[in-house]
Amino acid sequence: MSLGEYAVCVITKMIIHEDSMVEKLSLSASRKEHVAAVLEHEKMIYVGRVKRVDFYKYAVCVVMKMRIHEDCEVGDLMLDATREERVAAVFEQEKAFCVGRVKSINLGLYAVSILSKLGIHEDCVVEILSLYARKEVAAVLEQYQTLCVERVKNMLLWDYAVCVLIKLRICEDNIKENLYLVAYGEQFSRILEEGDSSIELGRIRRCGFYVTEEIRRKLRYILVDGEGKEVLEEGSDEEETAASYRETS
C-alpha cells in the first residue's frame, strides 16, 4: 500500500481487518499540509499487521499516530527526512511514542533525531539499527541529552551519524553482535573530541567489532566471544605477554 501527498490522509478513513497482513505501508508527503489531517486526528490510527513501514519527508511524523496490532512484529521500519522542519511535529509533543516490536530500524538524515522519541516494546530485541546522517544533522543531534537504544544486536552508523555514539544509553546486559562505523575524516571529529574510554558501549562480540584503533581509544567496552564470555582484545599487552610465554615455554 503506497500513499502520496494529500492521499496520505486517506489512512485516517481506512478500516483494516485485524487478521489482514499488509506487506508494505509506504507514505510520502512533500508538504506539511499533506499530513495535517493525520496529525490533527484525535485517535491513534490503526494499521493492523504490517511487515514493512516506509515513511518519507513530512509523512515521517505519521509514525507517532500509528497503532500496529499488538501481536505484530514489524520487519522493517524506514524513516527518512531531508529537512529539519519535516520532523518538527514529533518534537512538539513531550511524550515519546511506541512502535511496538520491530526487527530492523533504519533512520535517514533528520529522521535520526527521532530516535530520542522512539519507543519499542520492552521485550523486543532489535536485530538491526541503521543510522545515516549528513553534516548538517550533527548539530541537531547535539540538542538531545541521551538516545536510548535498549536491546540492539547489530548497529550500523553511516557518515555523520557516527556522532550518535556519544549520546547512546545502552542496556547493560545487551550483547551487540556487530558494530560498524562507516565514516571518514571529519565525520569522526566529534568522537575524537571525547576523552579516552569515555563513550560507553557495553558488550560486543570481538569478531563483529569493526572500529579503527583511533576510535577504539575513545570507547569503553567489553569484548566477548561466541558464548558471551569476556575475552582479551587482540594485540593487548596481556595477550602479547601470554603469546611470548607460550613461545619460550
C-alpha atoms as a PDB file:
ATOM      1  CA  MET A   1       0.000   0.000   0.000  1.00  0.00           C
ATOM      2  CA  SER A   2       1.528   3.307  -1.135  1.00  0.00           C
ATOM      3  CA  LEU A   3       0.002   6.743  -0.495  1.00  0.00           C
ATOM      4  CA  GLY A   4       1.492  10.052  -1.591  1.00  0.00           C
ATOM      5  CA  GLU A   5       0.872  13.754  -0.938  1.00  0.00           C
ATOM      6  CA  TYR A   6      -2.772  14.520   0.048  1.00  0.00           C
ATOM      7  CA  ALA A   7      -3.663  10.845  -0.365  1.00  0.00           C
ATOM      8  CA  VAL A   8      -1.743  10.167   2.862  1.00  0.00           C
ATOM      9  CA  CYS A   9      -4.780  11.455   4.792  1.00  0.00           C
ATOM     10  CA  VAL A  10      -6.835   8.545   3.463  1.00  0.00           C
ATOM     11  CA  ILE A  11      -5.187   6.442   6.142  1.00  0.00           C
ATOM     12  CA  THR A  12      -7.449   8.060   8.762  1.00  0.00           C
ATOM     13  CA  LYS A  13     -10.529   6.666   6.978  1.00  0.00           C
ATOM     14  CA  MET A  14      -9.358   3.144   6.290  1.00  0.00           C
ATOM     15  CA  ILE A  15     -10.920   0.163   8.020  1.00  0.00           C
ATOM     16  CA  ILE A  16      -8.437  -2.692   8.220  1.00  0.00           C
ATOM     17  CA  HIS A  17      -9.452  -6.201   9.246  1.00  0.00           C
ATOM     18  CA  GLU A  18      -7.451  -7.280  12.291  1.00  0.00           C
ATOM     19  CA  ASP A  19      -6.418 -10.562  10.646  1.00  0.00           C
ATOM     20  CA  SER A  20      -5.141  -8.967   7.434  1.00  0.00           C
ATOM     21  CA  MET A  21      -1.415  -8.583   6.737  1.00  0.00           C
ATOM     22  CA  VAL A  22      -0.094  -5.540   4.867  1.00  0.00           C
ATOM     23  CA  GLU A  23       3.184  -6.390   3.138  1.00  0.00           C
ATOM     24  CA  LYS A  24       4.304  -2.768   2.889  1.00  0.00           C
ATOM     25  CA  LEU A  25       2.909   0.579   4.041  1.00  0.00           C
ATOM     26  CA  SER A  26       4.636   3.443   2.230  1.00  0.00           C
ATOM     27  CA  LEU A  27       3.742   7.108   2.821  1.00  0.00           C
ATOM     28  CA  SER A  28       5.385  10.177   1.289  1.00  0.00           C
ATOM     29  CA  ALA A  29       4.379  13.832   1.698  1.00  0.00           C
ATOM     30  CA  SER A  30       6.416  16.770   0.408  1.00  0.00           C
ATOM     31  CA  ARG A  31       4.328  19.477   2.123  1.00  0.00           C
ATOM     32  CA  LYS A  32       3.163  19.946   5.713  1.00  0.00           C
ATOM     33  CA  GLU A  33      -0.490  20.333   4.718  1.00  0.00           C
ATOM     34  CA  HIS A  34      -0.424  16.905   3.120  1.00  0.00           C
ATOM     35  CA  VAL A  35      -0.312  15.300   6.586  1.00  0.00           C
ATOM     36  CA  ALA A  36      -2.223  17.954   8.544  1.00  0.00           C
ATOM     37  CA  ALA A  37      -5.434  15.911   8.787  1.00  0.00           C
ATOM     38  CA  VAL A  38      -3.494  12.905  10.068  1.00  0.00           C
ATOM     39  CA  LEU A  39      -1.673  14.847  12.782  1.00  0.00           C
ATOM     40  CA  GLU A  40      -4.898  16.578  13.863  1.00  0.00           C
ATOM     41  CA  HIS A  41      -6.738  13.260  14.110  1.00  0.00           C
ATOM     42  CA  GLU A  42      -7.676  12.759  17.771  1.00  0.00           C
ATOM     43  CA  LYS A  43      -7.326   8.990  17.884  1.00  0.00           C
ATOM     44  CA  MET A  44      -4.442   6.728  17.024  1.00  0.00           C
ATOM     45  CA  ILE A  45      -4.681   5.294  13.517  1.00  0.00           C
ATOM     46  CA  TYR A  46      -4.941   1.509  13.410  1.00  0.00           C
ATOM     47  CA  VAL A  47      -2.958  -0.044  10.544  1.00  0.00           C
ATOM     48  CA  GLY A  48      -3.228  -3.686  11.642  1.00  0.00           C
ATOM     49  CA  ARG A  49      -0.397  -6.087  10.873  1.00  0.00           C
ATOM     50  CA  VAL A  50       2.358  -4.617   8.717  1.00  0.00           C
ATOM     51  CA  LYS A  51       5.586  -6.260   7.545  1.00  0.00           C
ATOM     52  CA  ARG A  52       7.358  -3.137   6.313  1.00  0.00           C
ATOM     53  CA  VAL A  53       6.828   0.579   7.048  1.00  0.00           C
ATOM     54  CA  ASP A  54       8.450   3.250   4.837  1.00  0.00           C
ATOM     55  CA  PHE A  55       7.667   6.902   5.640  1.00  0.00           C
ATOM     56  CA  TYR A  56       9.316   9.799   3.788  1.00  0.00           C
ATOM     57  CA  LYS A  57       9.503  13.588   4.147  1.00  0.00           C
ATOM     58  CA  TYR A  58       6.613  15.050   6.210  1.00  0.00           C
ATOM     59  CA  ALA A  59       4.987  11.620   6.370  1.00  0.00           C
ATOM     60  CA  VAL A  60       7.679  10.613   8.878  1.00  0.00           C
ATOM     61  CA  CYS A  61       5.578  12.298  11.590  1.00  0.00           C
ATOM     62  CA  VAL A  62       2.695   9.910  10.906  1.00  0.00           C
ATOM     63  CA  VAL A  63       4.637   7.238  12.785  1.00  0.00           C
ATOM     64  CA  MET A  64       3.644   8.817  16.106  1.00  0.00           C
ATOM     65  CA  LYS A  65      -0.058   8.414  15.231  1.00  0.00           C
ATOM     66  CA  MET A  66       0.235   4.828  14.054  1.00  0.00           C
ATOM     67  CA  ARG A  67      -1.081   1.866  16.032  1.00  0.00           C
ATOM     68  CA  ILE A  68       0.028  -1.605  14.985  1.00  0.00           C
ATOM     69  CA  HIS A  69      -1.620  -4.867  16.021  1.00  0.00           C
ATOM     70  CA  GLU A  70      -0.179  -5.817  19.419  1.00  0.00           C
ATOM     71  CA  ASP A  71       0.858  -9.280  18.203  1.00  0.00           C
ATOM     72  CA  CYS A  72       2.617  -7.965  15.104  1.00  0.00           C
ATOM     73  CA  GLU A  73       6.364  -7.613  14.722  1.00  0.00           C
ATOM     74  CA  VAL A  74       7.282  -5.125  12.006  1.00  0.00           C
ATOM     75  CA  GLY A  75      10.102  -6.481   9.860  1.00  0.00           C
ATOM     76  CA  ASP A  76      11.471  -3.125   8.708  1.00  0.00           C
ATOM     77  CA  LEU A  77      10.821   0.455   9.830  1.00  0.00           C
ATOM     78  CA  MET A  78      12.289   3.043   7.458  1.00  0.00           C
ATOM     79  CA  LEU A  79      12.027   6.785   8.208  1.00  0.00           C
ATOM     80  CA  ASP A  80      13.747   9.393   6.042  1.00  0.00           C
ATOM     81  CA  ALA A  81      13.506  13.196   6.201  1.00  0.00           C
ATOM     82  CA  THR A  82      15.773  15.581   4.286  1.00  0.00           C
ATOM     83  CA  ARG A  83      14.768  18.735   6.206  1.00  0.00           C
ATOM     84  CA  GLU A  84      14.587  19.517   9.917  1.00  0.00           C
ATOM     85  CA  GLU A  85      11.076  21.001   9.693  1.00  0.00           C
ATOM     86  CA  ARG A  86       9.783  17.683   8.404  1.00  0.00           C
ATOM     87  CA  VAL A  87      10.261  16.081  11.817  1.00  0.00           C
ATOM     88  CA  ALA A  88       9.294  19.147  13.883  1.00  0.00           C
ATOM     89  CA  ALA A  89       5.811  17.818  14.711  1.00  0.00           C
ATOM     90  CA  VAL A  90       7.366  14.867  16.544  1.00  0.00           C
ATOM     91  CA  PHE A  91       9.078  17.219  18.999  1.00  0.00           C
ATOM     92  CA  GLU A  92       6.025  19.394  19.538  1.00  0.00           C
ATOM     93  CA  GLN A  93       4.709  16.694  21.856  1.00  0.00           C
ATOM     94  CA  GLU A  94       6.569  15.946  25.075  1.00  0.00           C
ATOM     95  CA  LYS A  95       5.899  12.236  25.325  1.00  0.00           C
ATOM     96  CA  ALA A  96       7.657   9.516  23.406  1.00  0.00           C
ATOM     97  CA  PHE A  97       5.662   7.170  21.201  1.00  0.00           C
ATOM     98  CA  CYS A  98       5.818   3.393  20.894  1.00  0.00           C
ATOM     99  CA  VAL A  99       6.008   1.498  17.611  1.00  0.00           C
ATOM    100  CA  GLY A 100       5.712  -1.924  19.232  1.00  0.00           C
ATOM    101  CA  ARG A 101       8.005  -4.732  18.113  1.00  0.00           C
ATOM    102  CA  VAL A 102      10.424  -4.023  15.261  1.00  0.00           C
ATOM    103  CA  LYS A 103      13.198  -6.193  13.793  1.00  0.00           C
ATOM    104  CA  SER A 104      15.043  -3.570  11.764  1.00  0.00           C
ATOM    105  CA  ILE A 105      15.080   0.228  12.221  1.00  0.00           C
ATOM    106  CA  ASN A 106      16.542   2.464   9.507  1.00  0.00           C
ATOM    107  CA  LEU A 107      16.626   6.223  10.107  1.00  0.00           C
ATOM    108  CA  GLY A 108      17.963   8.627   7.495  1.00  0.00           C
ATOM    109  CA  LEU A 109      19.077  12.258   7.718  1.00  0.00           C
ATOM    110  CA  TYR A 110      16.912  14.354  10.091  1.00  0.00           C
ATOM    111  CA  ALA A 111      14.822  11.302  10.964  1.00  0.00           C
ATOM    112  CA  VAL A 112      17.830  10.139  13.015  1.00  0.00           C
ATOM    113  CA  SER A 113      16.831  12.649  15.700  1.00  0.00           C
ATOM    114  CA  ILE A 114      13.527  10.790  16.164  1.00  0.00           C
ATOM    115  CA  LEU A 115      15.481   8.071  17.940  1.00  0.00           C
ATOM    116  CA  SER A 116      15.183  10.169  21.098  1.00  0.00           C
ATOM    117  CA  LYS A 117      11.382   9.835  20.917  1.00  0.00           C
ATOM    118  CA  LEU A 118      11.073   6.331  19.558  1.00  0.00           C
ATOM    119  CA  GLY A 119       9.987   3.592  21.931  1.00  0.00           C
ATOM    120  CA  ILE A 120       9.790  -0.128  21.256  1.00  0.00           C
ATOM    121  CA  HIS A 121       8.178  -2.949  23.201  1.00  0.00           C
ATOM    122  CA  GLU A 122      10.152  -3.732  26.360  1.00  0.00           C
ATOM    123  CA  ASP A 123      10.701  -7.387  25.433  1.00  0.00           C
ATOM    124  CA  CYS A 124      11.733  -6.628  21.843  1.00  0.00           C
ATOM    125  CA  VAL A 125      15.267  -7.194  20.558  1.00  0.00           C
ATOM    126  CA  VAL A 126      16.077  -5.052  17.513  1.00  0.00           C
ATOM    127  CA  GLU A 127      18.129  -7.068  15.016  1.00  0.00           C
ATOM    128  CA  ILE A 128      19.476  -4.041  13.111  1.00  0.00           C
ATOM    129  CA  LEU A 129      19.689  -0.329  13.906  1.00  0.00           C
ATOM    130  CA  SER A 130      20.989   1.627  10.914  1.00  0.00           C
ATOM    131  CA  LEU A 131      21.502   5.408  11.029  1.00  0.00           C
ATOM    132  CA  TYR A 132      22.649   7.708   8.231  1.00  0.00           C
ATOM    133  CA  ALA A 133      23.206  11.460   8.536  1.00  0.00           C
ATOM    134  CA  ARG A 134      24.897  14.287   6.661  1.00  0.00           C
ATOM    135  CA  LYS A 135      26.996  17.071   8.186  1.00  0.00           C
ATOM    136  CA  GLU A 136      24.113  19.455   8.940  1.00  0.00           C
ATOM    137  CA  VAL A 137      22.388  16.792  11.024  1.00  0.00           C
ATOM    138  CA  ALA A 138      25.241  16.567  13.527  1.00  0.00           C
ATOM    139  CA  ALA A 139      24.257  19.878  15.151  1.00  0.00           C
ATOM    140  CA  VAL A 140      20.673  18.679  15.553  1.00  0.00           C
ATOM    141  CA  LEU A 141      21.803  15.540  17.356  1.00  0.00           C
ATOM    142  CA  GLU A 142      23.749  17.675  19.833  1.00  0.00           C
ATOM    143  CA  GLN A 143      20.451  19.049  21.181  1.00  0.00           C
ATOM    144  CA  TYR A 144      19.412  15.787  22.800  1.00  0.00           C
ATOM    145  CA  GLN A 145      20.684  14.520  26.142  1.00  0.00           C
ATOM    146  CA  THR A 146      20.580  10.770  25.551  1.00  0.00           C
ATOM    147  CA  LEU A 147      19.342   8.364  22.923  1.00  0.00           C
ATOM    148  CA  CYS A 148      18.141   5.084  24.369  1.00  0.00           C
ATOM    149  CA  VAL A 149      18.659   2.044  22.136  1.00  0.00           C
ATOM    150  CA  GLU A 150      17.975  -0.655  24.757  1.00  0.00           C
ATOM    151  CA  ARG A 151      18.474  -4.096  23.153  1.00  0.00           C
ATOM    152  CA  VAL A 152      20.108  -3.948  19.712  1.00  0.00           C
ATOM    153  CA  LYS A 153      22.063  -6.802  18.114  1.00  0.00           C
ATOM    154  CA  ASN A 154      23.648  -5.069  15.137  1.00  0.00           C
ATOM    155  CA  MET A 155      24.386  -1.362  14.831  1.00  0.00           C
ATOM    156  CA  LEU A 156      25.411   0.380  11.598  1.00  0.00           C
ATOM    157  CA  LEU A 157      26.260   4.094  11.725  1.00  0.00           C
ATOM    158  CA  TRP A 158      26.984   5.885   8.455  1.00  0.00           C
ATOM    159  CA  ASP A 159      28.780   9.175   7.803  1.00  0.00           C
ATOM    160  CA  TYR A 160      27.981  11.885  10.396  1.00  0.00           C
ATOM    161  CA  ALA A 161      25.591   9.558  12.225  1.00  0.00           C
ATOM    162  CA  VAL A 162      28.652   8.065  13.949  1.00  0.00           C
ATOM    163  CA  CYS A 163      28.483  11.028  16.347  1.00  0.00           C
ATOM    164  CA  VAL A 164      25.335   9.439  17.791  1.00  0.00           C
ATOM    165  CA  LEU A 165      27.663   7.157  19.763  1.00  0.00           C
ATOM    166  CA  ILE A 166      28.331   9.897  22.311  1.00  0.00           C
ATOM    167  CA  LYS A 167      24.597  10.108  23.078  1.00  0.00           C
ATOM    168  CA  LEU A 168      23.723   6.432  23.381  1.00  0.00           C
ATOM    169  CA  ARG A 169      22.368   4.800  26.513  1.00  0.00           C
ATOM    170  CA  ILE A 170      22.698   1.036  26.141  1.00  0.00           C
ATOM    171  CA  CYS A 171      21.131  -1.772  28.149  1.00  0.00           C
ATOM    172  CA  GLU A 172      23.842  -3.284  30.379  1.00  0.00           C
ATOM    173  CA  ASP A 173      23.001  -6.915  29.619  1.00  0.00           C
ATOM    174  CA  ASN A 174      22.831  -6.360  25.859  1.00  0.00           C
ATOM    175  CA  ILE A 175      25.479  -8.004  23.656  1.00  0.00           C
ATOM    176  CA  LYS A 176      25.956  -6.436  20.242  1.00  0.00           C
ATOM    177  CA  GLU A 177      26.806  -8.943  17.536  1.00  0.00           C
ATOM    178  CA  ASN A 178      28.240  -6.312  15.177  1.00  0.00           C
ATOM    179  CA  LEU A 179      29.166  -2.633  15.342  1.00  0.00           C
ATOM    180  CA  TYR A 180      30.001  -0.908  12.047  1.00  0.00           C
ATOM    181  CA  LEU A 181      31.160   2.706  11.888  1.00  0.00           C
ATOM    182  CA  VAL A 182      31.348   3.722   8.226  1.00  0.00           C
ATOM    183  CA  ALA A 183      32.782   7.240   8.126  1.00  0.00           C
ATOM    184  CA  TYR A 184      35.908   9.149   7.134  1.00  0.00           C
ATOM    185  CA  GLY A 185      37.972  12.125   8.257  1.00  0.00           C
ATOM    186  CA  GLU A 186      35.984  14.952   9.829  1.00  0.00           C
ATOM    187  CA  GLN A 187      32.921  12.732  10.183  1.00  0.00           C
ATOM    188  CA  PHE A 188      34.673  11.276  13.243  1.00  0.00           C
ATOM    189  CA  SER A 189      35.721  14.685  14.625  1.00  0.00           C
ATOM    190  CA  ARG A 190      33.033  14.869  17.318  1.00  0.00           C
ATOM    191  CA  ILE A 191      34.011  11.458  18.710  1.00  0.00           C
ATOM    192  CA  LEU A 192      37.704  12.359  18.703  1.00  0.00           C
ATOM    193  CA  GLU A 193      36.947  15.352  20.940  1.00  0.00           C
ATOM    194  CA  GLU A 194      35.859  12.986  23.714  1.00  0.00           C
ATOM    195  CA  GLY A 195      38.210  11.652  26.382  1.00  0.00           C
ATOM    196  CA  ASP A 196      39.746   8.198  26.104  1.00  0.00           C
ATOM    197  CA  SER A 197      37.431   5.377  27.266  1.00  0.00           C
ATOM    198  CA  SER A 198      34.605   7.866  27.834  1.00  0.00           C
ATOM    199  CA  ILE A 199      31.931   6.528  25.454  1.00  0.00           C
ATOM    200  CA  GLU A 200      30.130   3.544  26.975  1.00  0.00           C
ATOM    201  CA  LEU A 201      29.183   0.772  24.534  1.00  0.00           C
ATOM    202  CA  GLY A 202      28.700  -2.258  26.762  1.00  0.00           C
ATOM    203  CA  ARG A 203      29.365  -5.785  25.484  1.00  0.00           C
ATOM    204  CA  ILE A 204      30.375  -6.504  21.888  1.00  0.00           C
ATOM    205  CA  ARG A 205      31.360  -9.697  20.059  1.00  0.00           C
ATOM    206  CA  ARG A 206      35.064  -9.476  19.263  1.00  0.00           C
ATOM    207  CA  CYS A 207      34.508 -10.922  15.779  1.00  0.00           C
ATOM    208  CA  GLY A 208      31.969  -8.173  14.968  1.00  0.00           C
ATOM    209  CA  PHE A 209      33.795  -5.087  16.249  1.00  0.00           C
ATOM    210  CA  TYR A 210      34.556  -3.078  13.079  1.00  0.00           C
ATOM    211  CA  VAL A 211      36.101   0.077  14.524  1.00  0.00           C
ATOM    212  CA  THR A 212      39.505   1.655  13.856  1.00  0.00           C
ATOM    213  CA  GLU A 213      42.117   1.775  16.618  1.00  0.00           C
ATOM    214  CA  GLU A 214      41.949   5.583  16.762  1.00  0.00           C
ATOM    215  CA  ILE A 215      38.236   5.463  17.579  1.00  0.00           C
ATOM    216  CA  ARG A 216      38.513   2.443  19.885  1.00  0.00           C
ATOM    217  CA  ARG A 217      40.577   4.523  22.289  1.00  0.00           C
ATOM    218  CA  LYS A 218      37.565   6.765  22.868  1.00  0.00           C
ATOM    219  CA  LEU A 219      35.240   3.858  23.631  1.00  0.00           C
ATOM    220  CA  ARG A 220      34.662   1.827  26.780  1.00  0.00           C
ATOM    221  CA  TYR A 221      33.540  -1.701  26.037  1.00  0.00           C
ATOM    222  CA  ILE A 222      33.842  -5.360  26.935  1.00  0.00           C
ATOM    223  CA  LEU A 223      34.696  -7.831  24.189  1.00  0.00           C
ATOM    224  CA  VAL A 224      33.076 -11.253  24.401  1.00  0.00           C
ATOM    225  CA  ASP A 225      33.329 -14.478  22.427  1.00  0.00           C
ATOM    226  CA  GLY A 226      30.559 -16.501  20.799  1.00  0.00           C
ATOM    227  CA  GLU A 227      29.454 -17.827  24.186  1.00  0.00           C
ATOM    228  CA  GLY A 228      29.292 -14.385  25.778  1.00  0.00           C
ATOM    229  CA  LYS A 229      32.473 -14.868  27.826  1.00  0.00           C
ATOM    230  CA  GLU A 230      34.828 -11.926  28.244  1.00  0.00           C
ATOM    231  CA  VAL A 231      37.958 -12.092  26.072  1.00  0.00           C
ATOM    232  CA  LEU A 232      41.100 -10.012  25.668  1.00  0.00           C
ATOM    233  CA  GLU A 233      41.451  -7.654  22.763  1.00  0.00           C
ATOM    234  CA  GLU A 234      43.781  -8.811  20.008  1.00  0.00           C
ATOM    235  CA  GLY A 235      47.122  -7.093  20.366  1.00  0.00           C
ATOM    236  CA  SER A 236      46.587  -6.159  24.008  1.00  0.00           C
ATOM    237  CA  ASP A 237      49.570  -6.208  26.378  1.00  0.00           C
ATOM    238  CA  GLU A 238      48.110  -9.183  28.257  1.00  0.00           C
ATOM    239  CA  GLU A 239      47.634 -11.181  25.066  1.00  0.00           C
ATOM    240  CA  GLU A 240      51.134 -10.397  23.776  1.00  0.00           C
ATOM    241  CA  THR A 241      52.654 -11.432  27.129  1.00  0.00           C
ATOM    242  CA  ALA A 242      50.763 -14.722  27.056  1.00  0.00           C
ATOM    243  CA  ALA A 243      51.899 -15.422  23.488  1.00  0.00           C
ATOM    244  CA  SER A 244      55.517 -14.666  24.407  1.00  0.00           C
ATOM    245  CA  TYR A 245      55.307 -17.011  27.400  1.00  0.00           C
ATOM    246  CA  ARG A 246      53.991 -19.860  25.226  1.00  0.00           C
ATOM    247  CA  GLU A 247      56.841 -19.396  22.735  1.00  0.00           C
ATOM    248  CA  THR A 248      59.535 -19.577  25.443  1.00  0.00           C
ATOM    249  CA  SER A 249      57.997 -22.499  27.352  1.00  0.00           C
END
